[in-house]
Amino acid sequence: MAISGNQIRAARSLVGMDQQTLADKAGIGINTVRNMEGAGADRIRVRTDTMDAVVDALGAAGVVLVDEGQSDGGPGVRLAKAATRSFDTIEQEVVQYPEYLENDAPPGAGG
């Protein structure tokens, strides 16, 4: 995927992240982030592992980089789709085994 400097800047802005925070989360220097964003609309040319680290850091923050052709428009950024179902326990769906419903410990045993 070809990523532009403008996409990196827009992705950071979308989640309220500054350049230093992105650099820290990606494990790169802030000057690398500045140089990447300085490419503007041009494709960023950095090592693959550097680009992967930046994309992963932005993804962990909830941003998806959109390549040209993935939507009706050109390349861009968007927020990741939120999970549709949480992992919270619904009491009506919890299986209760009878042998665990009764307390078989002596009084005062705790726990």
PDB file of N, CA and C in Angstrom:
ATOM      1  N   MET A   1       0.843  -1.168   0.000  1.00  0.00           N
ATOM      2  CA  MET A   1       0.000   0.000   0.000  1.00  0.00           C
ATOM      3  C   MET A   1       0.894   1.239   0.000  1.00  0.00           C
ATOM      4  N   ALA A   2       0.655   2.129  -0.922  1.00  0.00           N
ATOM      5  CA  ALA A   2       1.380   3.395  -0.971  1.00  0.00           C
ATOM      6  C   ALA A   2       0.718   4.372  -0.007  1.00  0.00           C
ATOM      7  N   ILE A   3       1.479   4.884   0.942  1.00  0.00           N
ATOM      8  CA  ILE A   3       0.951   5.802   1.948  1.00  0.00           C
ATOM      9  C   ILE A   3       1.635   7.152   1.782  1.00  0.00           C
ATOM     10  N   SER A   4       0.837   8.213   1.856  1.00  0.00           N
ATOM     11  CA  SER A   4       1.388   9.555   1.710  1.00  0.00           C
ATOM     12  C   SER A   4       1.606  10.199   3.076  1.00  0.00           C
ATOM     13  N   GLY A   5       2.412  11.255   3.065  1.00  0.00           N
ATOM     14  CA  GLY A   5       2.639  12.010   4.287  1.00  0.00           C
ATOM     15  C   GLY A   5       1.357  12.630   4.814  1.00  0.00           C
ATOM     16  N   ASN A   6       0.496  13.049   3.900  1.00  0.00           N
ATOM     17  CA  ASN A   6      -0.784  13.637   4.316  1.00  0.00           C
ATOM     18  C   ASN A   6      -1.661  12.621   5.045  1.00  0.00           C
ATOM     19  N   GLN A   7      -1.594  11.358   4.639  1.00  0.00           N
ATOM     20  CA  GLN A   7      -2.369  10.328   5.335  1.00  0.00           C
ATOM     21  C   GLN A   7      -1.882  10.143   6.769  1.00  0.00           C
ATOM     22  N   ILE A   8      -0.573  10.163   6.962  1.00  0.00           N
ATOM     23  CA  ILE A   8      -0.031  10.015   8.314  1.00  0.00           C
ATOM     24  C   ILE A   8      -0.478  11.195   9.176  1.00  0.00           C
ATOM     25  N   ARG A   9      -0.357  12.401   8.650  1.00  0.00           N
ATOM     26  CA  ARG A   9      -0.772  13.601   9.390  1.00  0.00           C
ATOM     27  C   ARG A   9      -2.266  13.551   9.704  1.00  0.00           C
ATOM     28  N   ALA A  10      -3.073  13.167   8.735  1.00  0.00           N
ATOM     29  CA  ALA A  10      -4.519  13.091   8.946  1.00  0.00           C
ATOM     30  C   ALA A  10      -4.880  12.010   9.961  1.00  0.00           C
ATOM     31  N   ALA A  11      -4.185  10.889   9.909  1.00  0.00           N
ATOM     32  CA  ALA A  11      -4.448   9.798  10.848  1.00  0.00           C
ATOM     33  C   ALA A  11      -4.143  10.237  12.274  1.00  0.00           C
ATOM     34  N   ARG A  12      -3.030  10.925  12.457  1.00  0.00           N
ATOM     35  CA  ARG A  12      -2.685  11.434  13.784  1.00  0.00           C
ATOM     36  C   ARG A  12      -3.744  12.409  14.289  1.00  0.00           C
ATOM     37  N   SER A  13      -4.154  13.315  13.410  1.00  0.00           N
ATOM     38  CA  SER A  13      -5.151  14.331  13.778  1.00  0.00           C
ATOM     39  C   SER A  13      -6.483  13.699  14.157  1.00  0.00           C
ATOM     40  N   LEU A  14      -6.833  12.643  13.472  1.00  0.00           N
ATOM     41  CA  LEU A  14      -8.118  11.981  13.704  1.00  0.00           C
ATOM     42  C   LEU A  14      -8.239  11.451  15.127  1.00  0.00           C
ATOM     43  N   VAL A  15      -7.125  11.031  15.710  1.00  0.00           N
ATOM     44  CA  VAL A  15      -7.153  10.494  17.078  1.00  0.00           C
ATOM     45  C   VAL A  15      -6.472  11.419  18.081  1.00  0.00           C
ATOM     46  N   GLY A  16      -6.129  12.628  17.661  1.00  0.00           N
ATOM     47  CA  GLY A  16      -5.537  13.595  18.570  1.00  0.00           C
ATOM     48  C   GLY A  16      -4.154  13.224  19.061  1.00  0.00           C
ATOM     49  N   MET A  17      -3.352  12.652  18.186  1.00  0.00           N
ATOM     50  CA  MET A  17      -2.005  12.200  18.546  1.00  0.00           C
ATOM     51  C   MET A  17      -0.976  13.177  17.989  1.00  0.00           C
ATOM     52  N   ASP A  18       0.001  13.566  18.805  1.00  0.00           N
ATOM     53  CA  ASP A  18       1.057  14.435  18.290  1.00  0.00           C
ATOM     54  C   ASP A  18       2.187  13.594  17.691  1.00  0.00           C
ATOM     55  N   GLN A  19       3.123  14.265  17.040  1.00  0.00           N
ATOM     56  CA  GLN A  19       4.211  13.557  16.360  1.00  0.00           C
ATOM     57  C   GLN A  19       5.066  12.754  17.334  1.00  0.00           C
ATOM     58  N   GLN A  20       5.343  13.319  18.503  1.00  0.00           N
ATOM     59  CA  GLN A  20       6.192  12.623  19.479  1.00  0.00           C
ATOM     60  C   GLN A  20       5.532  11.344  19.964  1.00  0.00           C
ATOM     61  N   THR A  21       4.222  11.387  20.199  1.00  0.00           N
ATOM     62  CA  THR A  21       3.504  10.200  20.658  1.00  0.00           C
ATOM     63  C   THR A  21       3.546   9.110  19.604  1.00  0.00           C
ATOM     64  N   LEU A  22       3.330   9.476  18.339  1.00  0.00           N
ATOM     65  CA  LEU A  22       3.404   8.489  17.260  1.00  0.00           C
ATOM     66  C   LEU A  22       4.807   7.894  17.186  1.00  0.00           C
ATOM     67  N   ALA A  23       5.812   8.745  17.284  1.00  0.00           N
ATOM     68  CA  ALA A  23       7.194   8.255  17.231  1.00  0.00           C
ATOM     69  C   ALA A  23       7.461   7.271  18.371  1.00  0.00           C
ATOM     70  N   ASP A  24       7.010   7.611  19.577  1.00  0.00           N
ATOM     71  CA  ASP A  24       7.221   6.727  20.725  1.00  0.00           C
ATOM     72  C   ASP A  24       6.511   5.397  20.548  1.00  0.00           C
ATOM     73  N   LYS A  25       5.256   5.441  20.110  1.00  0.00           N
ATOM     74  CA  LYS A  25       4.473   4.214  19.949  1.00  0.00           C
ATOM     75  C   LYS A  25       5.011   3.332  18.824  1.00  0.00           C
ATOM     76  N   ALA A  26       5.584   3.962  17.799  1.00  0.00           N
ATOM     77  CA  ALA A  26       6.133   3.206  16.667  1.00  0.00           C
ATOM     78  C   ALA A  26       7.589   2.802  16.908  1.00  0.00           C
ATOM     79  N   GLY A  27       8.215   3.354  17.942  1.00  0.00           N
ATOM     80  CA  GLY A  27       9.611   3.026  18.212  1.00  0.00           C
ATOM     81  C   GLY A  27      10.575   3.639  17.211  1.00  0.00           C
ATOM     82  N   ILE A  28      10.235   4.833  16.725  1.00  0.00           N
ATOM     83  CA  ILE A  28      11.087   5.533  15.759  1.00  0.00           C
ATOM     84  C   ILE A  28      11.358   6.943  16.283  1.00  0.00           C
ATOM     85  N   GLY A  29      12.222   7.666  15.622  1.00  0.00           N
ATOM     86  CA  GLY A  29      12.529   9.031  16.023  1.00  0.00           C
ATOM     87  C   GLY A  29      11.491  10.016  15.517  1.00  0.00           C
ATOM     88  N   ILE A  30      11.356  11.124  16.238  1.00  0.00           N
ATOM     89  CA  ILE A  30      10.385  12.141  15.828  1.00  0.00           C
ATOM     90  C   ILE A  30      10.764  12.744  14.478  1.00  0.00           C
ATOM     91  N   ASN A  31      12.073  12.826  14.182  1.00  0.00           N
ATOM     92  CA  ASN A  31      12.482  13.357  12.875  1.00  0.00           C
ATOM     93  C   ASN A  31      12.019  12.461  11.736  1.00  0.00           C
ATOM     94  N   THR A  32      11.929  11.171  11.985  1.00  0.00           N
ATOM     95  CA  THR A  32      11.412  10.251  10.969  1.00  0.00           C
ATOM     96  C   THR A  32       9.946  10.557  10.695  1.00  0.00           C
ATOM     97  N   VAL A  33       9.172  10.791  11.740  1.00  0.00           N
ATOM     98  CA  VAL A  33       7.755  11.146  11.565  1.00  0.00           C
ATOM     99  C   VAL A  33       7.650  12.466  10.800  1.00  0.00           C
ATOM    100  N   ARG A  34       8.463  13.448  11.179  1.00  0.00           N
ATOM    101  CA  ARG A  34       8.439  14.749  10.489  1.00  0.00           C
ATOM    102  C   ARG A  34       8.773  14.599   9.008  1.00  0.00           C
ATOM    103  N   ASN A  35       9.787  13.785   8.720  1.00  0.00           N
ATOM    104  CA  ASN A  35      10.173  13.570   7.315  1.00  0.00           C
ATOM    105  C   ASN A  35       9.078  12.848   6.544  1.00  0.00           C
ATOM    106  N   MET A  36       8.435  11.872   7.208  1.00  0.00           N
ATOM    107  CA  MET A  36       7.354  11.145   6.538  1.00  0.00           C
ATOM    108  C   MET A  36       6.218  12.108   6.185  1.00  0.00           C
ATOM    109  N   GLU A  37       5.809  12.915   7.149  1.00  0.00           N
ATOM    110  CA  GLU A  37       4.717  13.855   6.911  1.00  0.00           C
ATOM    111  C   GLU A  37       5.122  14.951   5.927  1.00  0.00           C
ATOM    112  N   GLY A  38       6.415  15.250   5.898  1.00  0.00           N
ATOM    113  CA  GLY A  38       6.914  16.270   4.978  1.00  0.00           C
ATOM    114  C   GLY A  38       6.784  15.868   3.514  1.00  0.00           C
ATOM    115  N   ALA A  39       6.532  14.600   3.254  1.00  0.00           N
ATOM    116  CA  ALA A  39       6.344  14.140   1.873  1.00  0.00           C
ATOM    117  C   ALA A  39       5.051  14.680   1.282  1.00  0.00           C
ATOM    118  N   GLY A  40       4.133  15.154   2.138  1.00  0.00           N
ATOM    119  CA  GLY A  40       2.873  15.715   1.653  1.00  0.00           C
ATOM    120  C   GLY A  40       2.045  14.682   0.920  1.00  0.00           C
ATOM    121  N   ALA A  41       1.634  15.011  -0.291  1.00  0.00           N
ATOM    122  CA  ALA A  41       0.787  14.111  -1.083  1.00  0.00           C
ATOM    123  C   ALA A  41       1.585  13.009  -1.769  1.00  0.00           C
ATOM    124  N   ASP A  42       2.908  13.104  -1.708  1.00  0.00           N
ATOM    125  CA  ASP A  42       3.749  12.088  -2.341  1.00  0.00           C
ATOM    126  C   ASP A  42       3.833  10.832  -1.476  1.00  0.00           C
ATOM    127  N   ARG A  43       4.149   9.740  -2.134  1.00  0.00           N
ATOM    128  CA  ARG A  43       4.324   8.460  -1.434  1.00  0.00           C
ATOM    129  C   ARG A  43       5.540   8.534  -0.509  1.00  0.00           C
ATOM    130  N   ILE A  44       5.384   8.014   0.686  1.00  0.00           N
ATOM    131  CA  ILE A  44       6.485   7.994   1.653  1.00  0.00           C
ATOM    132  C   ILE A  44       7.449   6.884   1.265  1.00  0.00           C
ATOM    133  N   ARG A  45       8.730   7.203   1.312  1.00  0.00           N
ATOM    134  CA  ARG A  45       9.757   6.216   0.999  1.00  0.00           C
ATOM    135  C   ARG A  45      10.626   6.003   2.236  1.00  0.00           C
ATOM    136  N   VAL A  46      10.276   4.956   2.985  1.00  0.00           N
ATOM    137  CA  VAL A  46      11.041   4.561   4.174  1.00  0.00           C
ATOM    138  C   VAL A  46      11.174   3.047   4.165  1.00  0.00           C
ATOM    139  N   ARG A  47      11.968   2.535   5.097  1.00  0.00           N
ATOM    140  CA  ARG A  47      12.104   1.079   5.211  1.00  0.00           C
ATOM    141  C   ARG A  47      10.755   0.459   5.543  1.00  0.00           C
ATOM    142  N   THR A  48      10.550  -0.751   5.083  1.00  0.00           N
ATOM    143  CA  THR A  48       9.287  -1.451   5.292  1.00  0.00           C
ATOM    144  C   THR A  48       8.971  -1.628   6.764  1.00  0.00           C
ATOM    145  N   ASP A  49       9.979  -1.968   7.575  1.00  0.00           N
ATOM    146  CA  ASP A  49       9.716  -2.170   9.001  1.00  0.00           C
ATOM    147  C   ASP A  49       9.326  -0.860   9.694  1.00  0.00           C
ATOM    148  N   THR A  50       9.857   0.258   9.223  1.00  0.00           N
ATOM    149  CA  THR A  50       9.473   1.566   9.776  1.00  0.00           C
ATOM    150  C   THR A  50       8.024   1.872   9.438  1.00  0.00           C
ATOM    151  N   MET A  51       7.650   1.645   8.185  1.00  0.00           N
ATOM    152  CA  MET A  51       6.275   1.898   7.770  1.00  0.00           C
ATOM    153  C   MET A  51       5.314   0.981   8.525  1.00  0.00           C
ATOM    154  N   ASP A  52       5.686  -0.288   8.666  1.00  0.00           N
ATOM    155  CA  ASP A  52       4.839  -1.232   9.398  1.00  0.00           C
ATOM    156  C   ASP A  52       4.636  -0.787  10.846  1.00  0.00           C
ATOM    157  N   ALA A  53       5.701  -0.292  11.478  1.00  0.00           N
ATOM    158  CA  ALA A  53       5.610   0.163  12.866  1.00  0.00           C
ATOM    159  C   ALA A  53       4.664   1.357  12.991  1.00  0.00           C
ATOM    160  N   VAL A  54       4.716   2.277  12.039  1.00  0.00           N
ATOM    161  CA  VAL A  54       3.835   3.454  12.057  1.00  0.00           C
ATOM    162  C   VAL A  54       2.389   3.039  11.818  1.00  0.00           C
ATOM    163  N   VAL A  55       2.165   2.185  10.839  1.00  0.00           N
ATOM    164  CA  VAL A  55       0.807   1.713  10.535  1.00  0.00           C
ATOM    165  C   VAL A  55       0.239   0.945  11.728  1.00  0.00           C
ATOM    166  N   ASP A  56       1.052   0.118  12.373  1.00  0.00           N
ATOM    167  CA  ASP A  56       0.599  -0.637  13.547  1.00  0.00           C
ATOM    168  C   ASP A  56       0.257   0.296  14.703  1.00  0.00           C
ATOM    169  N   ALA A  57       1.081   1.325  14.927  1.00  0.00           N
ATOM    170  CA  ALA A  57       0.826   2.282  16.003  1.00  0.00           C
ATOM    171  C   ALA A  57      -0.470   3.045  15.759  1.00  0.00           C
ATOM    172  N   LEU A  58      -0.691   3.449  14.524  1.00  0.00           N
ATOM    173  CA  LEU A  58      -1.938   4.157  14.195  1.00  0.00           C
ATOM    174  C   LEU A  58      -3.131   3.209  14.289  1.00  0.00           C
ATOM    175  N   GLY A  59      -2.946   1.964  13.872  1.00  0.00           N
ATOM    176  CA  GLY A  59      -4.015   0.972  13.974  1.00  0.00           C
ATOM    177  C   GLY A  59      -4.399   0.708  15.416  1.00  0.00           C
ATOM    178  N   ALA A  60      -3.400   0.639  16.294  1.00  0.00           N
ATOM    179  CA  ALA A  60      -3.675   0.420  17.717  1.00  0.00           C
ATOM    180  C   ALA A  60      -4.437   1.600  18.313  1.00  0.00           C
ATOM    181  N   ALA A  61      -4.254   2.786  17.729  1.00  0.00           N
ATOM    182  CA  ALA A  61      -4.971   3.975  18.194  1.00  0.00           C
ATOM    183  C   ALA A  61      -6.375   4.053  17.602  1.00  0.00           C
ATOM    184  N   GLY A  62      -6.691   3.151  16.669  1.00  0.00           N
ATOM    185  CA  GLY A  62      -8.039   3.115  16.109  1.00  0.00           C
ATOM    186  C   GLY A  62      -8.199   3.729  14.735  1.00  0.00           C
ATOM    187  N   VAL A  63      -7.095   3.860  13.996  1.00  0.00           N
ATOM    188  CA  VAL A  63      -7.142   4.468  12.665  1.00  0.00           C
ATOM    189  C   VAL A  63      -6.825   3.427  11.598  1.00  0.00           C
ATOM    190  N   VAL A  64      -7.559   3.481  10.506  1.00  0.00           N
ATOM    191  CA  VAL A  64      -7.309   2.613   9.359  1.00  0.00           C
ATOM    192  C   VAL A  64      -6.870   3.499   8.194  1.00  0.00           C
ATOM    193  N   LEU A  65      -5.765   3.143   7.573  1.00  0.00           N
ATOM    194  CA  LEU A  65      -5.313   3.846   6.374  1.00  0.00           C
ATOM    195  C   LEU A  65      -5.997   3.204   5.169  1.00  0.00           C
ATOM    196  N   VAL A  66      -6.627   4.020   4.359  1.00  0.00           N
ATOM    197  CA  VAL A  66      -7.402   3.523   3.220  1.00  0.00           C
ATOM    198  C   VAL A  66      -6.602   3.755   1.948  1.00  0.00           C
ATOM    199  N   ASP A  67      -6.383   2.689   1.208  1.00  0.00           N
ATOM    200  CA  ASP A  67      -5.651   2.757  -0.050  1.00  0.00           C
ATOM    201  C   ASP A  67      -6.594   3.196  -1.165  1.00  0.00           C
ATOM    202  N   GLU A  68      -6.044   3.731  -2.216  1.00  0.00           N
ATOM    203  CA  GLU A  68      -6.867   4.121  -3.355  1.00  0.00           C
ATOM    204  C   GLU A  68      -7.552   2.886  -3.920  1.00  0.00           C
ATOM    205  N   GLY A  69      -8.833   2.992  -4.178  1.00  0.00           N
ATOM    206  CA  GLY A  69      -9.586   1.869  -4.708  1.00  0.00           C
ATOM    207  C   GLY A  69     -10.348   1.097  -3.642  1.00  0.00           C
ATOM    208  N   GLN A  70     -10.056   1.339  -2.354  1.00  0.00           N
ATOM    209  CA  GLN A  70     -10.782   0.651  -1.298  1.00  0.00           C
ATOM    210  C   GLN A  70     -12.112   1.333  -0.986  1.00  0.00           C
ATOM    211  N   SER A  71     -12.294   2.516  -1.506  1.00  0.00           N
ATOM    212  CA  SER A  71     -13.543   3.249  -1.278  1.00  0.00           C
ATOM    213  C   SER A  71     -13.893   3.988  -2.560  1.00  0.00           C
ATOM    214  N   ASP A  72     -14.920   4.781  -2.494  1.00  0.00           N
ATOM    215  CA  ASP A  72     -15.331   5.525  -3.686  1.00  0.00           C
ATOM    216  C   ASP A  72     -14.347   6.633  -4.042  1.00  0.00           C
ATOM    217  N   GLY A  73     -13.593   7.094  -3.050  1.00  0.00           N
ATOM    218  CA  GLY A  73     -12.640   8.169  -3.277  1.00  0.00           C
ATOM    219  C   GLY A  73     -11.231   7.651  -3.411  1.00  0.00           C
ATOM    220  N   GLY A  74     -10.295   8.553  -3.218  1.00  0.00           N
ATOM    221  CA  GLY A  74      -8.890   8.198  -3.278  1.00  0.00           C
ATOM    222  C   GLY A  74      -8.396   7.721  -1.925  1.00  0.00           C
ATOM    223  N   PRO A  75      -7.082   7.721  -1.745  1.00  0.00           N
ATOM    224  CA  PRO A  75      -6.522   7.274  -0.475  1.00  0.00           C
ATOM    225  C   PRO A  75      -6.909   8.224   0.654  1.00  0.00           C
ATOM    226  N   GLY A  76      -6.980   7.688   1.863  1.00  0.00           N
ATOM    227  CA  GLY A  76      -7.353   8.510   3.001  1.00  0.00           C
ATOM    228  C   GLY A  76      -7.202   7.754   4.298  1.00  0.00           C
ATOM    229  N   VAL A  77      -7.932   8.189   5.311  1.00  0.00           N
ATOM    230  CA  VAL A  77      -7.920   7.554   6.630  1.00  0.00           C
ATOM    231  C   VAL A  77      -9.347   7.524   7.159  1.00  0.00           C
ATOM    232  N   ARG A  78      -9.595   6.605   8.075  1.00  0.00           N
ATOM    233  CA  ARG A  78     -10.897   6.555   8.751  1.00  0.00           C
ATOM    234  C   ARG A  78     -10.708   5.883  10.096  1.00  0.00           C
ATOM    235  N   LEU A  79     -11.683   6.071  10.964  1.00  0.00           N
ATOM    236  CA  LEU A  79     -11.645   5.390  12.247  1.00  0.00           C
ATOM    237  C   LEU A  79     -12.000   3.932  12.036  1.00  0.00           C
ATOM    238  N   ALA A  80     -11.383   3.080  12.808  1.00  0.00           N
ATOM    239  CA  ALA A  80     -11.687   1.655  12.738  1.00  0.00           C
ATOM    240  C   ALA A  80     -13.109   1.427  13.216  1.00  0.00           C
ATOM    241  N   LYS A  81     -13.757   0.457  12.649  1.00  0.00           N
ATOM    242  CA  LYS A  81     -15.115   0.113  13.049  1.00  0.00           C
ATOM    243  C   LYS A  81     -15.081  -0.472  14.457  1.00  0.00           C
ATOM    244  N   ALA A  82     -15.946   0.031  15.306  1.00  0.00           N
ATOM    245  CA  ALA A  82     -15.998  -0.456  16.682  1.00  0.00           C
ATOM    246  C   ALA A  82     -16.530  -1.884  16.714  1.00  0.00           C
ATOM    247  N   ALA A  83     -16.132  -2.623  17.729  1.00  0.00           N
ATOM    248  CA  ALA A  83     -16.627  -3.991  17.902  1.00  0.00           C
ATOM    249  C   ALA A  83     -18.138  -3.954  18.093  1.00  0.00           C
ATOM    250  N   THR A  84     -18.837  -4.889  17.495  1.00  0.00           N
ATOM    251  CA  THR A  84     -20.294  -4.902  17.584  1.00  0.00           C
ATOM    252  C   THR A  84     -20.790  -5.619  18.823  1.00  0.00           C
ATOM    253  N   ARG A  85     -19.938  -6.378  19.460  1.00  0.00           N
ATOM    254  CA  ARG A  85     -20.364  -7.119  20.650  1.00  0.00           C
ATOM    255  C   ARG A  85     -19.235  -7.103  21.665  1.00  0.00           C
ATOM    256  N   SER A  86     -19.580  -6.791  22.884  1.00  0.00           N
ATOM    257  CA  SER A  86     -18.559  -6.759  23.925  1.00  0.00           C
ATOM    258  C   SER A  86     -18.409  -8.140  24.546  1.00  0.00           C
ATOM    259  N   PHE A  87     -17.430  -8.272  25.399  1.00  0.00           N
ATOM    260  CA  PHE A  87     -17.180  -9.536  26.064  1.00  0.00           C
ATOM    261  C   PHE A  87     -17.773  -9.566  27.467  1.00  0.00           C
ATOM    262  N   ASP A  88     -18.620  -8.602  27.779  1.00  0.00           N
ATOM    263  CA  ASP A  88     -19.252  -8.595  29.090  1.00  0.00           C
ATOM    264  C   ASP A  88     -20.159  -9.810  29.235  1.00  0.00           C
ATOM    265  N   THR A  89     -20.279 -10.297  30.446  1.00  0.00           N
ATOM    266  CA  THR A  89     -21.096 -11.467  30.720  1.00  0.00           C
ATOM    267  C   THR A  89     -22.561 -11.076  30.812  1.00  0.00           C
ATOM    268  N   ILE A  90     -23.407 -11.795  30.116  1.00  0.00           N
ATOM    269  CA  ILE A  90     -24.853 -11.616  30.227  1.00  0.00           C
ATOM    270  C   ILE A  90     -25.355 -12.710  31.152  1.00  0.00           C
ATOM    271  N   GLU A  91     -25.912 -12.308  32.286  1.00  0.00           N
ATOM    272  CA  GLU A  91     -26.258 -13.249  33.345  1.00  0.00           C
ATOM    273  C   GLU A  91     -27.190 -14.358  32.863  1.00  0.00           C
ATOM    274  N   GLN A  92     -28.116 -14.070  31.946  1.00  0.00           N
ATOM    275  CA  GLN A  92     -29.056 -15.071  31.464  1.00  0.00           C
ATOM    276  C   GLN A  92     -28.374 -16.124  30.595  1.00  0.00           C
ATOM    277  N   GLU A  93     -27.196 -15.816  30.080  1.00  0.00           N
ATOM    278  CA  GLU A  93     -26.496 -16.752  29.213  1.00  0.00           C
ATOM    279  C   GLU A  93     -25.412 -17.558  29.939  1.00  0.00           C
ATOM    280  N   VAL A  94     -25.229 -17.303  31.222  1.00  0.00           N
ATOM    281  CA  VAL A  94     -24.204 -18.001  31.997  1.00  0.00           C
ATOM    282  C   VAL A  94     -24.735 -19.362  32.419  1.00  0.00           C
ATOM    283  N   VAL A  95     -23.944 -20.392  32.205  1.00  0.00           N
ATOM    284  CA  VAL A  95     -24.329 -21.745  32.595  1.00  0.00           C
ATOM    285  C   VAL A  95     -23.928 -21.953  34.048  1.00  0.00           C
ATOM    286  N   GLN A  96     -24.878 -22.349  34.875  1.00  0.00           N
ATOM    287  CA  GLN A  96     -24.610 -22.629  36.290  1.00  0.00           C
ATOM    288  C   GLN A  96     -24.685 -24.138  36.494  1.00  0.00           C
ATOM    289  N   TYR A  97     -23.609 -24.736  36.937  1.00  0.00           N
ATOM    290  CA  TYR A  97     -23.603 -26.157  37.218  1.00  0.00           C
ATOM    291  C   TYR A  97     -24.072 -26.365  38.655  1.00  0.00           C
ATOM    292  N   PRO A  98     -25.034 -27.281  38.885  1.00  0.00           N
ATOM    293  CA  PRO A  98     -25.615 -27.458  40.218  1.00  0.00           C
ATOM    294  C   PRO A  98     -24.581 -27.715  41.301  1.00  0.00           C
ATOM    295  N   GLU A  99     -23.530 -28.449  40.993  1.00  0.00           N
ATOM    296  CA  GLU A  99     -22.540 -28.773  42.018  1.00  0.00           C
ATOM    297  C   GLU A  99     -21.773 -27.537  42.509  1.00  0.00           C
ATOM    298  N   TYR A 100     -21.825 -26.458  41.771  1.00  0.00           N
ATOM    299  CA  TYR A 100     -21.136 -25.236  42.186  1.00  0.00           C
ATOM    300  C   TYR A 100     -22.076 -24.221  42.837  1.00  0.00           C
ATOM    301  N   LEU A 101     -23.362 -24.488  42.856  1.00  0.00           N
ATOM    302  CA  LEU A 101     -24.320 -23.559  43.437  1.00  0.00           C
ATOM    303  C   LEU A 101     -24.374 -23.638  44.958  1.00  0.00           C
ATOM    304  N   GLU A 102     -24.065 -24.777  45.532  1.00  0.00           N
ATOM    305  CA  GLU A 102     -24.141 -24.963  46.973  1.00  0.00           C
ATOM    306  C   GLU A 102     -22.748 -24.799  47.585  1.00  0.00           C
ATOM    307  N   ASN A 103     -22.714 -24.147  48.733  1.00  0.00           N
ATOM    308  CA  ASN A 103     -21.460 -23.962  49.437  1.00  0.00           C
ATOM    309  C   ASN A 103     -21.195 -25.206  50.289  1.00  0.00           C
ATOM    310  N   ASP A 104     -20.134 -25.917  50.007  1.00  0.00           N
ATOM    311  CA  ASP A 104     -19.833 -27.146  50.751  1.00  0.00           C
ATOM    312  C   ASP A 104     -18.722 -26.927  51.766  1.00  0.00           C
ATOM    313  N   ALA A 105     -18.291 -25.668  51.927  1.00  0.00           N
ATOM    314  CA  ALA A 105     -17.246 -25.371  52.904  1.00  0.00           C
ATOM    315  C   ALA A 105     -17.860 -25.164  54.275  1.00  0.00           C
ATOM    316  N   PRO A 106     -17.126 -25.461  55.333  1.00  0.00           N
ATOM    317  CA  PRO A 106     -17.646 -25.237  56.686  1.00  0.00           C
ATOM    318  C   PRO A 106     -17.796 -23.739  56.960  1.00  0.00           C
ATOM    319  N   PRO A 107     -18.682 -23.362  57.889  1.00  0.00           N
ATOM    320  CA  PRO A 107     -18.871 -21.932  58.202  1.00  0.00           C
ATOM    321  C   PRO A 107     -17.568 -21.295  58.615  1.00  0.00           C
ATOM    322  N   GLY A 108     -17.356 -20.083  58.148  1.00  0.00           N
ATOM    323  CA  GLY A 108     -16.156 -19.336  58.496  1.00  0.00           C
ATOM    324  C   GLY A 108     -14.947 -19.714  57.664  1.00  0.00           C
ATOM    325  N   ALA A 109     -15.110 -20.564  56.658  1.00  0.00           N
ATOM    326  CA  ALA A 109     -13.975 -21.002  55.844  1.00  0.00           C
ATOM    327  C   ALA A 109     -13.512 -19.914  54.890  1.00  0.00           C
ATOM    328  N   GLY A 110     -14.346 -18.921  54.654  1.00  0.00           N
ATOM    329  CA  GLY A 110     -13.989 -17.847  53.739  1.00  0.00           C
ATOM    330  C   GLY A 110     -14.092 -18.259  52.289  1.00  0.00           C
ATOM    331  N   GLY A 111     -13.661 -17.377  51.436  1.00  0.00           N
ATOM    332  CA  GLY A 111     -13.599 -17.661  50.021  1.00  0.00           C
ATOM    333  C   GLY A 111     -14.923 -17.762  49.421  1.00  0.00           C
TER     334      GLY A 111
END
